[in-house]
Protein backbone atom coordinates (compact mmCIF):
# COMPACT_ATOMS: atom_id res chain seq x y z
CA ALA A 1 1.05 -26.93 -6.58
CA LEU A 2 -0.27 -29.90 -8.52
CA ASP A 3 -3.87 -31.13 -8.60
CA ILE A 4 -5.45 -28.43 -6.42
CA TYR A 5 -9.12 -28.96 -5.59
CA ASP A 6 -9.79 -26.44 -2.84
CA TYR A 7 -8.15 -23.69 -0.82
CA GLU A 8 -8.88 -21.73 2.33
CA PHE A 9 -7.27 -18.88 4.23
CA LYS A 10 -7.80 -16.16 6.79
CA LEU A 11 -6.35 -12.68 6.48
CA GLY A 12 -6.00 -10.44 9.53
CA TYR A 13 -5.51 -6.66 9.40
CA ASP A 14 -5.67 -3.59 11.62
CA THR A 15 -9.15 -2.05 11.41
CA ASP A 16 -7.79 1.32 12.58
CA VAL A 17 -5.93 1.49 9.25
CA LEU A 18 -8.08 -0.50 6.77
CA THR A 19 -11.74 -1.37 6.29
CA GLY A 20 -12.48 -4.66 4.51
CA LEU A 21 -15.00 -4.07 1.70
CA GLY A 22 -15.08 -7.22 -0.38
CA VAL A 23 -13.51 -10.32 -1.87
CA ILE A 24 -13.42 -11.41 -5.51
CA VAL A 25 -12.59 -15.04 -6.32
CA ILE A 26 -10.76 -15.42 -9.63
CA PRO A 27 -10.90 -19.03 -10.88
CA PRO A 28 -7.51 -20.05 -12.33
CA THR A 29 -9.30 -22.05 -15.05
CA ASN A 30 -12.67 -21.68 -16.77
CA GLU A 31 -14.12 -24.24 -14.36
CA THR A 32 -17.53 -23.29 -12.90
CA HIS A 33 -18.14 -26.24 -10.57
CA PHE A 34 -17.09 -24.79 -7.22
CA THR A 35 -18.59 -23.21 -4.13
CA VAL A 36 -17.36 -20.05 -2.42
CA ASP A 37 -17.71 -19.13 1.25
CA ILE A 38 -16.57 -15.65 2.24
CA GLN A 39 -16.86 -13.91 5.59
CA ILE A 40 -15.67 -10.41 6.37
CA ASN A 41 -15.60 -9.49 10.04
CA ASP A 42 -14.35 -5.93 9.90
CA THR A 43 -14.89 -5.44 13.63
CA ALA A 44 -12.29 -8.15 14.32
CA GLY A 45 -10.21 -7.41 11.20
CA ILE A 46 -10.55 -10.92 9.75
CA ILE A 47 -11.42 -12.06 6.24
CA TRP A 48 -12.08 -15.78 5.64
CA VAL A 49 -12.19 -17.32 2.17
CA TYR A 50 -12.96 -20.94 1.29
CA VAL A 51 -13.20 -22.19 -2.30
CA GLN A 52 -14.08 -25.85 -2.90
CA TYR A 53 -14.43 -27.56 -6.27
CA TYR A 54 -16.83 -30.47 -6.84
CA PRO A 55 -17.36 -33.08 -9.62
CA PRO A 56 -17.24 -32.89 -12.57
CA ALA A 57 -14.51 -30.27 -11.91
CA GLU A 58 -10.99 -31.48 -12.58
CA PRO A 59 -8.08 -30.62 -10.27
CA PHE A 60 -5.86 -27.82 -11.55
CA THR A 61 -2.16 -27.01 -11.30
CA ILE A 62 -0.49 -23.70 -10.54
CA LEU A 63 3.29 -23.67 -11.09
CA THR A 64 3.94 -19.92 -10.99
CA ALA A 65 2.37 -17.10 -8.96
CA LYS A 66 -1.25 -16.59 -9.98
CA THR A 67 -4.01 -14.42 -8.54
CA VAL A 68 -6.90 -16.55 -7.25
CA THR A 69 -8.48 -13.96 -4.92
CA GLU A 70 -8.60 -10.17 -4.81
CA ILE A 71 -9.44 -8.40 -1.56
CA VAL A 72 -10.74 -4.84 -1.59
CA PHE A 73 -9.99 -2.47 1.28
CA MET A 74 -10.76 1.17 1.97
CA VAL A 75 -8.05 3.16 3.75
CA GLN A 76 -9.51 4.09 7.14
CA ASP A 77 -6.68 6.23 8.50
CA TYR A 78 -2.96 6.88 8.33
CA GLY A 79 -0.81 4.07 9.69
CA GLN A 80 0.51 0.64 8.90
CA THR A 81 -0.64 -2.94 9.29
CA VAL A 82 0.62 -6.44 8.70
CA LEU A 83 -1.66 -8.38 6.35
CA ASP A 84 -1.51 -11.58 8.39
CA LEU A 85 -2.20 -14.64 6.22
CA TYR A 86 -2.97 -17.63 8.46
CA ASN A 87 -5.01 -20.85 8.76
CA THR A 88 -4.13 -21.53 5.13
CA ARG A 89 -5.00 -24.82 3.49
CA ILE A 90 -4.67 -26.17 -0.02
CA SER A 91 -6.10 -29.64 -0.68
CA ASP A 92 -6.17 -32.18 -3.47
CA VAL A 93 -9.28 -33.95 -4.80
CA LEU A 94 -9.15 -36.44 -1.89
CA GLY A 95 -9.00 -33.67 0.72
CA ASN A 96 -5.33 -34.26 1.53
CA ASN A 97 -3.46 -31.16 2.67
CA MET A 98 -0.81 -29.98 0.24
CA THR A 99 2.50 -28.42 1.28
CA HIS A 100 2.66 -24.72 0.51
CA VAL A 101 4.49 -21.56 1.54
CA VAL A 102 2.72 -18.68 3.28
CA GLU A 103 3.95 -15.07 3.32
CA ASP A 104 2.31 -12.18 5.14
CA GLY A 105 1.84 -8.83 3.46
CA PHE A 106 2.26 -5.28 4.70
CA PHE A 107 0.36 -2.04 4.08
CA ALA A 108 1.38 1.49 5.04
CA THR A 109 -0.25 4.81 4.32
CA LEU A 110 2.58 6.80 2.81
CA ILE A 111 2.35 10.57 3.04
CA ARG A 112 4.42 12.56 0.58
CA ASP A 113 4.13 16.23 1.42
CA VAL A 114 6.84 18.81 0.74
CA ALA A 115 5.98 22.41 1.60
CA ILE A 116 7.51 25.87 1.72
CA ILE A 117 6.68 26.93 5.26
CA SER A 118 8.17 30.45 5.27
CA VAL A 119 9.81 33.09 3.07
CA ASN A 120 11.44 36.05 4.85
CA ILE A 121 13.65 38.95 3.86
CA THR A 122 16.32 38.87 6.55
CA SER A 123 18.39 41.84 5.38
CA SER A 124 17.23 45.44 5.53
CA ASN A 125 14.13 45.95 3.45
CA ILE A 126 15.61 49.14 2.02
CA VAL A 127 16.63 48.20 -1.50
CA TYR A 128 18.60 50.12 -4.10
CA PRO A 129 20.67 49.06 -7.14
CA GLY A 130 23.74 47.09 -6.13
CA ARG A 131 22.52 46.28 -2.61
CA THR A 132 22.41 42.61 -1.53
CA VAL A 133 19.08 41.33 -0.28
CA THR A 134 19.03 38.16 1.83
CA ILE A 135 15.94 35.99 1.54
CA ASP A 136 15.48 32.91 3.72
CA VAL A 137 13.24 30.19 2.32
CA VAL A 138 12.34 27.32 4.65
CA ALA A 139 11.14 24.07 3.10
CA MET A 140 9.84 21.14 5.12
CA ASN A 141 9.26 17.47 4.42
CA LYS A 142 5.90 16.92 6.11
CA GLY A 143 5.83 13.34 4.86
CA ASN A 144 6.00 10.39 7.21
CA MET A 145 8.21 7.76 5.60
CA THR A 146 10.55 8.83 2.81
CA THR A 147 13.49 11.13 2.37
CA GLU A 148 12.62 13.64 -0.35
CA THR A 149 14.98 15.42 -2.76
CA PHE A 150 13.60 18.41 -4.66
CA ASN A 151 14.53 21.81 -6.10
CA VAL A 152 13.54 25.10 -4.48
CA THR A 153 13.47 27.93 -7.02
CA LEU A 154 13.13 31.60 -6.00
CA TYR A 155 11.67 34.04 -8.54
CA TYR A 156 11.31 37.79 -8.86
CA ASP A 157 8.54 38.29 -11.40
CA ASN A 158 9.60 35.94 -14.21
CA TYR A 159 13.30 36.02 -13.32
CA THR A 160 14.93 33.13 -11.52
CA ILE A 161 16.94 34.46 -8.59
CA GLY A 162 18.26 31.13 -7.36
CA VAL A 163 17.80 27.37 -7.38
CA GLN A 164 18.85 25.04 -4.59
CA THR A 165 18.52 21.25 -4.44
CA VAL A 166 17.31 20.14 -1.02
CA THR A 167 17.22 16.68 0.58
CA LEU A 168 15.11 16.30 3.73
CA ASP A 169 14.28 13.37 5.97
CA PRO A 170 10.66 13.07 7.17
CA TRP A 171 9.52 15.89 9.44
CA THR A 172 12.67 17.98 8.97
CA ASN A 173 13.18 21.44 7.47
């Protein structure tokens, strides 16, 4: 956008998943003549940011993606939430609204948790040289969102007995 002089937006989020902690305004130039209004209503899950420049500040131009605000959240709980960007406004020095594109964000707590949930000898536990012993190893993907591929290696002391590559969808074994 060319000749920006102020901007404003609201960001909505699910307070069961995130807690809004703070906002940092990052001026795109070294200009210091601006005011900042920030409100965080974590009960409602709304953050409001308004940055307005004033004389002698000169309008500025942003032609490629540039960070002008950082928002800090704490993860409240497992889950997912849309980061709903709305009531956006970018204005020129005369206060005229400027055309711009708005895109929402998305946050999800991703659990990656692969576990061995049991190891059992399923053949007779009487062992002698030359006898085959059957050992069942059950692995589980306790994660919530991604298919995991991993190796399961079975050892006797320092000797590798077997290696198997396993691919599991979430919550499968």
